[in-house]
Amino acid sequence: MAAPPPPPPLPPALPDDVVEEILLRLPLDDPGSLLRASLVCKAWRSVVTHPHFRRCFIGLHPHRAPPVLGFLHDWENKRIPDFVPTTPSPFSLAAPDRRFWRPLDCRHGRALFLSDDRQETQEILLWEPITGAHQRIPLPAAFRCGWPTAAVFCTADGCDHRDCAGGPFGVVFVFAVDGSEDEEDWHVITSACLYSSETGTWGKPNSRQDEFTMEFEYHSSVLVGRSLLYFLSDGGVVLEYNLDSAELSVFNTPPDDYGSEKERFNLVLVDDGGLGVAEAIDMELILWKWEASDGTNARWVLSRIVDLFDVLPIGVDSECLSPVLGFAEGANAIFVKTDSSLFMIKLQSEQGEKVCDDHGFCNLIPVVSFYTPHSRLQVPGGEHHGPAAPPLNLLRRGGQQVAWEEKSLEWAQVLFDKGCKAINEKDFANAANCFRDALKIRVQHYGDLAPQCASTFYCYGCALLAKARKATNPSGANLHGKGQKDGNMTGDRDDSDLDLAWKMLNTARVIVAKSPDKTMEKVNILNSLAQISMRREDTDSAIGYYFEALAILEHLVRPDNFRIFEQYPPCGDNIVNLV
């Protein structure tokens, strides 16, 4: 009997660029489709997990807002996953275990969690939902106990916040403590502290004194523009924190003309991007707008009323609505629940859809982001380990194998964090090496003068400057090697560090100068350049940098702020006469 004929040869594999073009057309709001595509084969996974694919995927939708992937919550039912998706097909993210971490906020590709108060030492966990990267942040020393809250935001100049994970960020931590010494003088001190990932430290608390306490259990924050953060206390008081001036102010929620209760409000952004609040009463969604002014005429104005009979599916009109539970910043959507179901309503189109059955949710933290699978496998459950060094991958192009080391943005962030830690430990040489390697990755990914690289240029320059200072001869010789013995090359090495520090800081100055905003980042860069000029005995340049920084600082703080005095440029052992 003759042998069966051999099977026909397999068709040639599609080139990687063709596969990429096909996968780029998958639905933006259905991340499960990309996740399934990444599991087809190694070649497809290599395509969809590459940073280039993510940039192209987001770039194809320049006018689309990032989708709502799902939400985090604090409900204690163990049967409910820590992350609840809102996407058409099954999809999940390995969120931190809510038995140990209470979600507080999510913005700009990062989520914040507060550790359980039953633990010996409380701390904040910053988690990137897309990459799975995380960072633990100790709480400010001034915090004691209570129901605090926090907000996270991107601090990269010029970033459009469509894909800013892995860059510099800030955290504002808000808490209240009893400041009274006796019953007759009872008052509460509400404080806010600002954390910077670039320095790895908390700033000094800014506080205000009130005759009422503010606790923050049921609401997250909203960011208006680039400088105003708003928090809503459980008692219905709105707290404003100005990121530029660090000032705190408070005002009440709208009046109860519509039978509202303070607990029913939730912070939102209105159509023009300003502050608003929303409440759901008797199948009506009532939206208020805060009209601020420099005087005393700031007030709440009714913006619009949405008839939920026209928004929610048929059959829920007889059910009882509960308070608005969460606002998806960046997607302009809110969550409301009835006795049996949870719904998401898009405020711009006034379209509603059922998300899931109600499970007793109290506060929802929506996760808004573009999703592409990440090359690093996420750790399921509550234990999160730090990211490992990038592996050596093989990329097939044109039938040839090209070995390349994947210098991912995640690894750049790890190096950046190590550099910040080394700075705090006064290990400036190690810090400079970490920032240098992180800078190589980010420049390769974003470009030489990209806004996302400004903070790394700045930190690298500061580390080199500190390294040069540390190497200065204790006898008083300056960084040009004056007063050193013949053959001593320490001064030359210091000069090299100082020159490179100036180049890095000047590059950072060029990048941030593209933005017209007056920021503290610009002040810090100019101050560092001034310090280098003083080391070089270039007094004229130093004074120019100091005065340029002072002109910016005057727009950021009060005239009597201590930083104004500190900004007066030193000249040798004297202070420049500014009169």
Protein backbone atom coordinates (compact mmCIF):
# COMPACT_ATOMS: atom_id res chain seq x y z
CA MET A 1 0.00 0.00 0.00
CA ALA A 2 1.41 3.34 -1.02
CA ALA A 3 2.29 5.85 1.68
CA PRO A 4 -0.13 8.77 2.03
CA PRO A 5 0.98 11.96 0.34
CA PRO A 6 2.79 14.46 2.56
CA PRO A 7 0.70 17.31 3.95
CA PRO A 8 0.83 20.54 2.00
CA PRO A 9 3.42 23.04 3.22
CA LEU A 10 2.27 25.65 5.69
CA PRO A 11 1.65 29.10 4.24
CA PRO A 12 4.40 31.61 4.98
CA ALA A 13 3.95 33.63 8.16
CA LEU A 14 2.71 37.17 7.79
CA PRO A 15 5.44 39.78 8.19
CA ASP A 16 5.49 41.52 11.55
CA ASP A 17 4.56 44.89 10.06
CA VAL A 18 1.45 43.39 8.45
CA VAL A 19 0.44 41.71 11.73
CA GLU A 20 0.93 45.03 13.50
CA GLU A 21 -1.30 46.89 11.03
CA ILE A 22 -4.05 44.30 11.51
CA LEU A 23 -3.89 44.30 15.31
CA LEU A 24 -3.87 48.10 15.44
CA ARG A 25 -7.43 48.00 14.07
CA LEU A 26 -8.83 46.06 17.03
CA PRO A 27 -11.48 47.96 19.05
CA LEU A 28 -10.12 50.64 21.35
CA ASP A 29 -12.73 50.08 24.07
CA ASP A 30 -12.39 46.28 24.13
CA PRO A 31 -8.98 45.53 25.69
CA GLY A 32 -9.84 41.85 25.92
CA SER A 33 -9.39 41.54 22.15
CA LEU A 34 -5.77 42.70 22.34
CA LEU A 35 -5.16 40.48 25.33
CA ARG A 36 -6.45 37.44 23.43
CA ALA A 37 -4.35 38.39 20.41
CA SER A 38 -1.23 38.43 22.58
CA LEU A 39 -1.93 34.82 23.57
CA VAL A 40 -2.13 33.49 19.99
CA CYS A 41 1.62 32.99 19.58
CA LYS A 42 4.95 34.42 20.67
CA ALA A 43 5.30 36.45 17.48
CA TRP A 44 1.98 38.23 18.04
CA ARG A 45 2.78 38.82 21.70
CA SER A 46 6.11 40.34 20.69
CA VAL A 47 4.24 42.74 18.42
CA VAL A 48 1.48 43.92 20.78
CA THR A 49 3.74 44.25 23.84
CA HIS A 50 6.33 46.39 22.09
CA PRO A 51 6.35 50.09 23.12
CA HIS A 52 6.17 51.08 19.44
CA PHE A 53 2.83 49.29 19.10
CA ARG A 54 1.37 51.16 22.08
CA ARG A 55 2.46 54.53 20.68
CA CYS A 56 0.89 53.71 17.30
CA PHE A 57 -2.28 52.31 18.90
CA ILE A 58 -2.86 55.49 20.89
CA GLY A 59 -1.76 57.69 17.99
CA LEU A 60 -4.49 56.25 15.75
CA HIS A 61 -7.08 57.83 18.06
CA PRO A 62 -5.83 61.39 18.67
CA HIS A 63 -9.30 62.73 19.40
CA ARG A 64 -10.65 59.82 21.42
CA ALA A 65 -10.69 59.94 25.19
CA PRO A 66 -9.17 56.92 26.95
CA PRO A 67 -11.82 54.30 27.72
CA VAL A 68 -13.04 53.30 31.17
CA LEU A 69 -11.48 49.88 31.71
CA GLY A 70 -13.27 49.23 34.99
CA PHE A 71 -13.17 50.33 38.59
CA LEU A 72 -11.59 49.63 41.96
CA HIS A 73 -13.75 49.51 45.06
CA ASP A 74 -13.72 48.91 48.81
CA TRP A 75 -16.61 46.46 49.20
CA GLU A 76 -15.74 43.63 51.60
CA ASN A 77 -17.49 40.80 49.72
CA LYS A 78 -14.68 38.36 48.88
CA ARG A 79 -16.57 36.98 45.89
CA ILE A 80 -16.27 40.32 44.07
CA PRO A 81 -12.91 40.79 42.30
CA ASP A 82 -10.67 43.68 43.33
CA PHE A 83 -10.98 45.12 39.82
CA VAL A 84 -14.40 45.06 38.13
CA PRO A 85 -14.25 45.51 34.32
CA THR A 86 -16.69 47.67 32.37
CA THR A 87 -15.55 46.44 28.95
CA PRO A 88 -17.65 44.43 26.45
CA SER A 89 -15.61 41.21 26.76
CA PRO A 90 -14.03 39.55 29.83
CA PHE A 91 -10.96 41.40 31.00
CA SER A 92 -9.11 41.78 34.28
CA LEU A 93 -6.22 43.56 35.94
CA ALA A 94 -4.25 42.17 38.88
CA ALA A 95 -5.16 44.91 41.35
CA PRO A 96 -3.80 44.96 44.91
CA ASP A 97 -5.78 42.91 47.42
CA ARG A 98 -8.40 45.20 48.97
CA ARG A 99 -8.21 43.22 52.21
CA PHE A 100 -4.92 45.03 52.78
CA TRP A 101 -5.16 48.09 50.51
CA ARG A 102 -8.00 50.63 50.32
CA PRO A 103 -8.21 52.38 46.91
CA LEU A 104 -8.09 56.17 47.11
CA ASP A 105 -7.57 57.62 43.64
CA CYS A 106 -6.66 56.86 40.03
CA ARG A 107 -5.38 59.35 37.48
CA HIS A 108 -2.83 59.64 34.67
CA GLY A 109 -2.14 55.91 34.49
CA ARG A 110 -1.58 55.44 38.23
CA ALA A 111 -3.72 54.34 41.16
CA LEU A 112 -3.24 55.04 44.87
CA PHE A 113 -4.01 52.72 47.77
CA LEU A 114 -3.77 53.16 51.54
CA SER A 115 -2.70 50.22 53.67
CA ASP A 116 -5.03 48.84 56.32
CA ASP A 117 -4.92 50.85 59.56
CA ARG A 118 -4.60 47.61 61.52
CA GLN A 119 -1.06 47.24 60.23
CA GLU A 120 1.76 48.45 62.43
CA THR A 121 2.98 50.98 59.85
CA GLN A 122 0.62 52.50 57.30
CA GLU A 123 1.86 53.43 53.86
CA ILE A 124 0.68 54.35 50.38
CA LEU A 125 0.95 52.01 47.42
CA LEU A 126 1.21 53.50 43.93
CA TRP A 127 0.21 51.00 41.23
CA GLU A 128 0.28 51.31 37.44
CA PRO A 129 -2.69 49.26 36.16
CA ILE A 130 -1.25 48.75 32.66
CA THR A 131 2.32 47.74 33.53
CA GLY A 132 1.70 46.29 36.99
CA ALA A 133 4.63 48.32 38.36
CA HIS A 134 4.26 49.58 41.90
CA GLN A 135 5.96 51.73 44.51
CA ARG A 136 5.46 51.98 48.27
CA ILE A 137 5.47 55.45 49.80
CA PRO A 138 5.66 56.07 53.58
CA LEU A 139 3.02 58.38 55.03
CA PRO A 140 3.97 61.88 56.19
CA ALA A 141 5.30 61.94 59.74
CA ALA A 142 2.59 64.40 60.82
CA PHE A 143 -0.24 61.93 60.13
CA ARG A 144 -1.61 60.07 63.16
CA CYS A 145 -4.94 58.38 62.42
CA GLY A 146 -8.38 58.92 60.91
CA TRP A 147 -9.87 58.77 57.42
CA PRO A 148 -7.38 60.54 55.16
CA THR A 149 -7.39 60.72 51.38
CA ALA A 150 -4.84 61.26 48.64
CA ALA A 151 -4.59 62.20 44.98
CA VAL A 152 -2.00 61.30 42.35
CA PHE A 153 -1.10 63.24 39.21
CA CYS A 154 1.55 63.38 36.49
CA THR A 155 4.16 66.14 36.87
CA ALA A 156 5.85 65.90 33.45
CA ASP A 157 5.80 69.27 31.69
CA GLY A 158 3.94 69.22 28.38
CA CYS A 159 2.45 65.75 28.90
CA ASP A 160 -1.04 65.26 27.43
CA HIS A 161 -1.71 62.49 29.99
CA ARG A 162 -2.81 59.97 27.38
CA ASP A 163 0.18 57.72 28.08
CA CYS A 164 2.27 59.12 30.93
CA ALA A 165 2.90 56.07 33.13
CA GLY A 166 6.52 55.62 34.12
CA GLY A 167 7.31 59.33 34.37
CA PRO A 168 7.50 61.72 37.32
CA PHE A 169 4.45 62.07 39.52
CA GLY A 170 3.19 63.83 42.61
CA VAL A 171 0.93 62.76 45.47
CA VAL A 172 -1.12 65.04 47.71
CA PHE A 173 -2.03 63.49 51.07
CA VAL A 174 -4.86 65.15 53.04
CA PHE A 175 -5.68 64.44 56.68
CA ALA A 176 -7.21 66.09 59.75
CA VAL A 177 -6.05 66.02 63.39
CA ASP A 178 -7.50 67.39 66.60
CA GLY A 179 -5.56 70.57 67.33
CA SER A 180 -7.31 71.66 70.52
CA GLU A 181 -5.57 71.70 73.87
CA ASP A 182 -8.78 71.92 75.92
CA GLU A 183 -12.53 71.55 75.41
CA GLU A 184 -13.16 75.29 75.31
CA ASP A 185 -10.80 75.77 72.38
CA TRP A 186 -11.84 72.82 70.24
CA HIS A 187 -10.68 72.95 66.64
CA VAL A 188 -9.41 70.68 63.91
CA ILE A 189 -6.30 71.17 61.81
CA THR A 190 -6.62 69.95 58.22
CA SER A 191 -3.29 69.49 56.46
CA ALA A 192 -2.04 68.61 52.99
CA CYS A 193 1.43 67.30 52.14
CA LEU A 194 2.92 67.08 48.66
CA TYR A 195 5.14 64.15 47.65
CA SER A 196 7.46 64.36 44.65
CA SER A 197 8.76 61.24 42.93
CA GLU A 198 11.71 63.28 41.70
CA THR A 199 13.00 63.88 45.23
CA GLY A 200 11.39 60.90 46.93
CA THR A 201 10.34 63.05 49.89
CA TRP A 202 7.29 64.79 51.36
CA GLY A 203 7.17 68.55 51.56
CA LYS A 204 6.17 70.48 54.66
CA PRO A 205 2.45 70.24 55.56
CA ASN A 206 0.24 73.19 54.69
CA SER A 207 -2.62 73.50 57.16
CA ARG A 208 -5.80 75.35 58.01
CA GLN A 209 -7.81 75.49 61.24
CA ASP A 210 -11.56 74.84 61.30
CA GLU A 211 -14.27 74.16 63.84
CA PHE A 212 -15.33 70.99 62.07
CA THR A 213 -13.57 67.79 61.11
CA MET A 214 -13.22 66.37 57.62
CA GLU A 215 -13.10 62.66 56.90
CA PHE A 216 -12.71 61.18 53.43
CA GLU A 217 -14.11 57.67 53.08
CA TYR A 218 -16.67 57.82 50.28
CA HIS A 219 -15.24 60.18 47.66
CA SER A 220 -12.12 60.54 45.53
CA SER A 221 -10.66 63.74 44.10
CA VAL A 222 -10.85 65.63 40.81
CA LEU A 223 -8.13 67.70 39.15
CA VAL A 224 -9.18 70.95 37.48
CA GLY A 225 -6.62 72.16 34.96
CA ARG A 226 -3.08 71.51 36.10
CA SER A 227 -3.07 73.16 39.50
CA LEU A 228 -6.35 72.76 41.43
CA LEU A 229 -7.20 69.56 43.30
CA TYR A 230 -10.60 69.17 44.94
CA PHE A 231 -11.60 66.72 47.67
CA LEU A 232 -15.12 66.11 49.02
CA SER A 233 -15.45 65.20 52.68
CA ASP A 234 -18.08 62.80 53.94
CA GLY A 235 -19.86 65.77 55.52
CA GLY A 236 -20.28 67.60 52.22
CA VAL A 237 -17.44 70.14 52.52
CA VAL A 238 -15.29 70.73 49.44
CA LEU A 239 -11.56 71.18 50.10
CA GLU A 240 -9.47 72.96 47.46
CA TYR A 241 -5.69 72.50 47.27
CA ASN A 242 -3.69 74.75 44.96
CA LEU A 243 -0.65 72.86 43.66
CA ASP A 244 1.15 76.08 42.74
CA SER A 245 0.68 78.03 45.97
CA ALA A 246 0.00 75.07 48.34
CA GLU A 247 -2.98 76.99 49.76
CA LEU A 248 -6.03 75.25 51.25
CA SER A 249 -9.57 76.60 51.13
CA VAL A 250 -13.03 75.16 51.81
CA PHE A 251 -16.60 75.77 50.69
CA ASN A 252 -19.92 73.94 50.97
CA THR A 253 -21.78 71.84 48.44
CA PRO A 254 -24.90 73.28 46.71
CA PRO A 255 -28.03 74.22 48.68
CA ASP A 256 -30.82 71.70 49.24
CA ASP A 257 -33.40 73.42 47.01
CA TYR A 258 -33.91 70.14 45.20
CA GLY A 259 -34.24 68.04 48.32
CA SER A 260 -30.61 66.97 48.15
CA GLU A 261 -28.50 65.61 50.94
CA LYS A 262 -24.80 66.25 51.36
CA GLU A 263 -24.02 62.54 51.18
CA ARG A 264 -25.60 62.32 47.71
CA PHE A 265 -23.03 64.54 45.98
CA ASN A 266 -19.97 63.48 44.03
CA LEU A 267 -17.32 65.67 42.44
CA VAL A 268 -17.29 65.85 38.62
CA LEU A 269 -15.86 68.01 35.86
CA VAL A 270 -18.38 70.05 33.87
CA ASP A 271 -18.35 70.63 30.11
CA ASP A 272 -15.79 73.45 30.20
CA GLY A 273 -13.44 71.48 32.46
CA GLY A 274 -14.36 73.35 35.64
CA LEU A 275 -15.46 71.95 38.97
CA GLY A 276 -18.94 70.51 39.37
CA VAL A 277 -20.93 68.14 41.55
CA ALA A 278 -23.58 65.60 40.59
CA GLU A 279 -26.47 64.06 42.48
CA ALA A 280 -29.21 61.61 41.51
CA ILE A 281 -32.72 62.27 42.85
CA ASP A 282 -36.02 60.75 41.70
CA MET A 283 -34.69 59.56 38.33
CA GLU A 284 -33.02 62.89 37.66
CA LEU A 285 -29.30 63.53 37.47
CA ILE A 286 -28.66 67.08 38.71
CA LEU A 287 -25.38 68.71 37.71
CA TRP A 288 -24.05 71.84 39.44
CA LYS A 289 -21.19 74.09 38.34
CA TRP A 290 -18.90 76.07 40.64
CA GLU A 291 -18.43 79.62 39.40
CA ALA A 292 -15.35 80.89 41.18
CA SER A 293 -14.14 84.47 41.41
CA ASP A 294 -11.42 86.44 43.12
CA GLY A 295 -13.94 88.11 45.40
CA THR A 296 -16.75 86.78 47.54
CA ASN A 297 -19.19 86.02 44.72
CA ALA A 298 -18.17 82.42 44.11
CA ARG A 299 -21.28 80.25 44.04
CA TRP A 300 -22.91 77.08 42.78
CA VAL A 301 -24.97 77.40 39.61
CA LEU A 302 -27.34 74.77 38.28
CA SER A 303 -25.76 73.46 35.07
CA ARG A 304 -28.33 70.98 33.75
CA ILE A 305 -30.75 68.24 34.72
CA VAL A 306 -30.63 64.89 32.92
CA ASP A 307 -33.82 62.83 32.79
CA LEU A 308 -32.67 59.30 33.61
CA PHE A 309 -35.85 57.83 32.12
CA ASP A 310 -34.25 58.62 28.74
CA VAL A 311 -30.79 57.39 29.73
CA LEU A 312 -31.13 54.14 31.66
CA PRO A 313 -32.54 50.93 30.17
CA ILE A 314 -36.26 50.26 30.37
CA GLY A 315 -37.31 48.60 33.59
CA VAL A 316 -35.33 50.57 36.16
CA ASP A 317 -37.69 53.53 36.43
CA SER A 318 -39.45 52.15 39.47
CA GLU A 319 -36.27 51.38 41.36
CA CYS A 320 -34.69 53.61 43.97
CA LEU A 321 -31.57 55.52 42.93
CA SER A 322 -28.64 55.78 45.33
CA PRO A 323 -25.93 58.46 45.46
CA VAL A 324 -23.52 58.95 42.58
CA LEU A 325 -20.65 56.62 43.40
CA GLY A 326 -17.76 57.70 41.19
CA PHE A 327 -16.59 59.96 38.38
CA ALA A 328 -14.32 58.72 35.59
CA GLU A 329 -11.99 61.66 35.08
CA GLY A 330 -10.74 61.77 31.50
CA ALA A 331 -13.74 59.84 30.16
CA ASN A 332 -16.45 62.16 31.56
CA ALA A 333 -18.62 59.36 32.92
CA ILE A 334 -20.27 58.70 36.28
CA PHE A 335 -21.54 55.64 38.10
CA VAL A 336 -24.97 55.42 39.72
CA LYS A 337 -26.70 52.45 41.28
CA THR A 338 -30.24 51.32 41.90
CA ASP A 339 -31.51 48.70 44.31
CA SER A 340 -30.24 45.94 42.05
CA SER A 341 -27.84 47.27 39.40
CA LEU A 342 -24.85 49.53 38.79
CA PHE A 343 -24.88 51.80 35.72
CA MET A 344 -22.31 53.95 33.95
CA ILE A 345 -23.58 57.17 32.35
CA LYS A 346 -21.56 59.16 29.80
CA LEU A 347 -22.29 62.79 30.56
CA GLN A 348 -21.52 64.18 27.12
CA SER A 349 -23.72 61.81 25.12
CA GLU A 350 -26.14 61.11 28.01
CA GLN A 351 -25.98 57.38 27.30
CA GLY A 352 -26.20 54.80 30.05
CA GLU A 353 -25.35 51.13 30.25
CA LYS A 354 -25.52 48.48 32.92
CA VAL A 355 -22.13 47.47 34.30
CA CYS A 356 -23.03 44.74 36.78
CA ASP A 357 -25.40 43.86 39.58
CA ASP A 358 -25.12 46.02 42.67
CA HIS A 359 -23.05 44.41 45.40
CA GLY A 360 -23.26 47.15 48.00
CA PHE A 361 -20.56 49.40 46.56
CA CYS A 362 -19.87 52.61 48.50
CA ASN A 363 -17.06 54.32 46.61
CA LEU A 364 -15.79 53.49 43.13
CA ILE A 365 -12.39 54.47 41.71
CA PRO A 366 -12.67 54.27 37.90
CA VAL A 367 -9.59 53.19 35.93
CA VAL A 368 -9.34 55.23 32.72
CA SER A 369 -6.56 54.33 30.30
CA PHE A 370 -5.64 53.01 26.90
CA TYR A 371 -4.80 49.33 27.21
CA THR A 372 -2.17 47.28 25.44
CA PRO A 373 -0.72 44.05 26.89
CA HIS A 374 2.55 44.49 28.71
CA SER A 375 5.63 42.34 28.32
CA ARG A 376 5.94 41.84 32.05
CA LEU A 377 3.60 39.27 33.56
CA GLN A 378 1.58 40.74 36.39
CA VAL A 379 1.53 39.05 39.76
CA PRO A 380 -2.03 38.03 40.69
CA GLY A 381 -3.45 38.57 44.14
CA GLY A 382 -2.35 40.97 46.82
CA GLU A 383 1.41 40.44 46.91
CA HIS A 384 3.23 42.60 44.40
CA HIS A 385 6.90 42.22 43.72
CA GLY A 386 9.17 44.76 42.14
CA PRO A 387 9.80 44.48 38.42
CA ALA A 388 12.78 42.44 37.39
CA ALA A 389 15.46 43.61 34.99
CA PRO A 390 14.34 43.49 31.35
CA PRO A 391 15.10 40.15 29.68
CA LEU A 392 16.98 39.64 26.45
CA ASN A 393 14.36 39.08 23.77
CA LEU A 394 14.55 37.82 20.22
CA LEU A 395 12.71 39.85 17.62
CA ARG A 396 12.02 38.35 14.20
CA ARG A 397 12.23 40.77 11.30
CA GLY A 398 12.52 39.70 7.67
CA GLY A 399 13.23 36.10 8.64
CA GLN A 400 16.30 37.03 10.70
CA GLN A 401 16.68 36.98 14.45
CA VAL A 402 18.01 40.15 15.99
CA ALA A 403 18.95 40.07 19.67
CA TRP A 404 18.12 43.23 21.53
CA GLU A 405 17.83 44.18 25.17
CA GLU A 406 14.35 45.49 25.95
CA LYS A 407 14.97 48.73 27.80
CA SER A 408 11.39 49.27 28.82
CA LEU A 409 9.97 52.39 30.38
CA GLU A 410 9.15 50.29 33.41
CA TRP A 411 12.83 49.54 33.92
CA ALA A 412 13.63 53.22 33.44
CA GLN A 413 11.26 54.03 36.31
CA VAL A 414 12.98 51.42 38.49
CA LEU A 415 16.35 53.04 37.77
CA PHE A 416 14.88 56.49 38.40
CA ASP A 417 13.51 55.40 41.79
CA LYS A 418 16.86 53.85 42.70
CA GLY A 419 18.55 57.12 41.80
CA CYS A 420 16.18 59.09 44.05
CA LYS A 421 16.85 56.68 46.90
CA ALA A 422 20.61 56.96 46.37
CA ILE A 423 20.32 60.76 46.48
CA ASN A 424 18.59 60.55 49.87
CA GLU A 425 21.36 58.23 51.08
CA LYS A 426 24.06 60.67 49.84
CA ASP A 427 25.37 58.06 47.40
CA PHE A 428 25.68 60.56 44.58
CA ALA A 429 27.90 58.44 42.31
CA ASN A 430 25.38 55.60 42.30
CA ALA A 431 22.54 58.08 41.84
CA ALA A 432 24.25 59.59 38.79
CA ASN A 433 24.70 56.15 37.25
CA CYS A 434 21.04 55.26 37.80
CA PHE A 435 19.77 58.53 36.33
CA ARG A 436 22.17 58.19 33.39
CA ASP A 437 20.86 54.72 32.50
CA ALA A 438 17.23 55.79 32.97
CA LEU A 439 17.87 58.80 30.72
CA LYS A 440 19.24 56.60 27.92
CA ILE A 441 16.04 54.55 27.91
CA ARG A 442 13.67 57.50 28.00
CA VAL A 443 15.56 59.44 25.33
CA GLN A 444 15.51 56.37 23.10
CA HIS A 445 11.77 56.01 23.65
CA TYR A 446 10.57 59.64 23.61
CA GLY A 447 13.33 61.63 21.89
CA ASP A 448 16.12 63.97 23.03
CA LEU A 449 13.96 66.99 23.89
CA ALA A 450 10.70 65.28 24.86
CA PRO A 451 8.86 66.69 27.91
CA GLN A 452 8.88 63.21 29.48
CA CYS A 453 12.69 63.40 29.73
CA ALA A 454 12.94 66.76 31.51
CA SER A 455 12.82 65.39 35.06
CA THR A 456 15.49 62.78 34.31
CA PHE A 457 17.83 65.37 32.77
CA TYR A 458 17.28 67.51 35.87
CA CYS A 459 17.90 64.71 38.39
CA TYR A 460 20.97 63.49 36.50
CA GLY A 461 22.39 67.01 36.52
CA CYS A 462 21.67 67.46 40.24
CA ALA A 463 23.33 64.12 41.06
CA LEU A 464 26.45 65.13 39.12
CA LEU A 465 26.52 68.51 40.86
CA ALA A 466 26.21 66.87 44.27
CA LYS A 467 28.91 64.36 43.32
CA ALA A 468 31.25 67.19 42.34
CA ARG A 469 30.56 69.01 45.61
CA LYS A 470 31.30 65.89 47.62
CA ALA A 471 34.61 65.46 45.84
CA THR A 472 35.71 69.03 46.63
CA ASN A 473 38.95 69.26 48.60
CA PRO A 474 38.05 69.73 52.31
CA SER A 475 40.79 72.35 52.61
CA GLY A 476 38.65 74.69 50.56
CA ALA A 477 39.96 74.18 47.04
CA ASN A 478 37.30 74.93 44.50
CA LEU A 479 36.08 72.67 41.73
CA HIS A 480 38.61 74.01 39.27
CA GLY A 481 41.42 72.37 41.20
CA LYS A 482 42.98 75.52 42.64
CA GLY A 483 45.22 74.89 45.60
CA GLN A 484 45.72 71.21 44.79
CA LYS A 485 49.08 69.54 44.49
CA ASP A 486 50.62 68.83 41.12
CA GLY A 487 49.49 65.52 39.70
CA ASN A 488 46.23 65.47 41.65
CA MET A 489 43.54 64.82 39.05
CA THR A 490 40.57 65.17 41.39
CA GLY A 491 39.91 68.69 40.18
CA ASP A 492 39.83 67.53 36.56
CA ARG A 493 37.30 64.83 37.37
CA ASP A 494 35.21 67.38 39.26
CA ASP A 495 35.35 69.70 36.26
CA SER A 496 34.11 66.86 34.06
CA ASP A 497 31.17 66.17 36.39
CA LEU A 498 30.40 69.87 36.64
CA ASP A 499 30.47 70.36 32.87
CA LEU A 500 28.21 67.37 32.30
CA ALA A 501 25.89 68.56 35.08
CA TRP A 502 25.55 71.92 33.32
CA LYS A 503 24.76 70.20 30.01
CA MET A 504 22.06 68.03 31.61
CA LEU A 505 20.46 70.91 33.50
CA ASN A 506 20.60 73.23 30.51
CA THR A 507 18.87 70.55 28.40
CA ALA A 508 16.18 70.30 31.07
CA ARG A 509 15.83 74.10 30.95
CA VAL A 510 15.39 74.03 27.17
CA ILE A 511 12.69 71.35 27.44
CA VAL A 512 10.60 73.05 30.13
CA ALA A 513 10.96 76.43 28.41
CA LYS A 514 8.67 75.11 25.66
CA SER A 515 5.78 75.31 28.11
CA PRO A 516 4.49 78.80 29.02
CA ASP A 517 3.43 77.61 32.49
CA LYS A 518 5.29 78.96 35.49
CA THR A 519 6.24 75.91 37.53
CA MET A 520 8.42 75.05 40.50
CA GLU A 521 10.30 72.66 38.22
CA LYS A 522 11.58 75.65 36.23
CA VAL A 523 12.63 77.37 39.46
CA ASN A 524 14.60 74.33 40.62
CA ILE A 525 16.38 73.92 37.28
CA LEU A 526 17.40 77.58 37.17
CA ASN A 527 18.63 77.47 40.77
CA SER A 528 20.82 74.46 39.99
CA LEU A 529 22.29 76.20 36.94
CA ALA A 530 22.99 79.22 39.13
CA GLN A 531 24.83 77.04 41.65
CA ILE A 532 27.06 75.63 38.91
CA SER A 533 27.80 79.15 37.67
CA MET A 534 28.79 80.19 41.20
CA ARG A 535 31.12 77.19 41.41
CA ARG A 536 32.70 78.35 38.18
CA GLU A 537 32.98 81.88 39.59
CA ASP A 538 30.71 83.10 36.77
CA THR A 539 28.79 85.54 38.98
CA ASP A 540 26.97 87.34 36.18
CA SER A 541 25.42 84.14 34.83
CA ALA A 542 24.54 82.97 38.34
CA ILE A 543 22.71 86.20 39.15
CA GLY A 544 20.86 85.99 35.85
CA TYR A 545 19.64 82.48 36.64
CA TYR A 546 18.66 83.47 40.19
CA PHE A 547 16.63 86.46 39.05
CA GLU A 548 14.92 84.44 36.32
CA ALA A 549 13.93 81.87 38.93
CA LEU A 550 12.77 84.63 41.28
CA ALA A 551 10.50 86.09 38.59
CA ILE A 552 8.78 82.72 38.24
CA LEU A 553 8.62 82.07 41.98
CA GLU A 554 6.79 85.35 42.61
CA HIS A 555 3.86 83.94 40.62
CA LEU A 556 3.76 80.70 42.63
CA VAL A 557 3.97 81.75 46.29
CA ARG A 558 2.93 84.64 48.51
CA PRO A 559 5.27 87.65 48.74
CA ASP A 560 6.07 86.78 52.37
CA ASN A 561 6.90 83.14 51.63
CA PHE A 562 10.29 82.06 52.98
CA ARG A 563 11.30 80.81 49.53
CA ILE A 564 11.28 84.38 48.22
CA PHE A 565 13.99 85.33 50.71
CA GLU A 566 15.95 82.15 50.01
CA GLN A 567 15.84 83.01 46.32
CA TYR A 568 17.92 86.17 46.77
CA PRO A 569 21.14 85.33 44.91
CA PRO A 570 24.28 84.87 47.01
CA CYS A 571 27.50 86.36 45.69
CA GLY A 572 30.54 84.92 47.42
CA ASP A 573 30.07 85.46 51.13
CA ASN A 574 27.64 88.34 50.60
CA ILE A 575 24.10 88.77 49.39
CA VAL A 576 23.50 90.77 46.25
CA ASN A 577 22.05 94.17 47.06
CA LEU A 578 18.61 94.20 45.46
CA VAL A 579 17.74 97.76 46.41
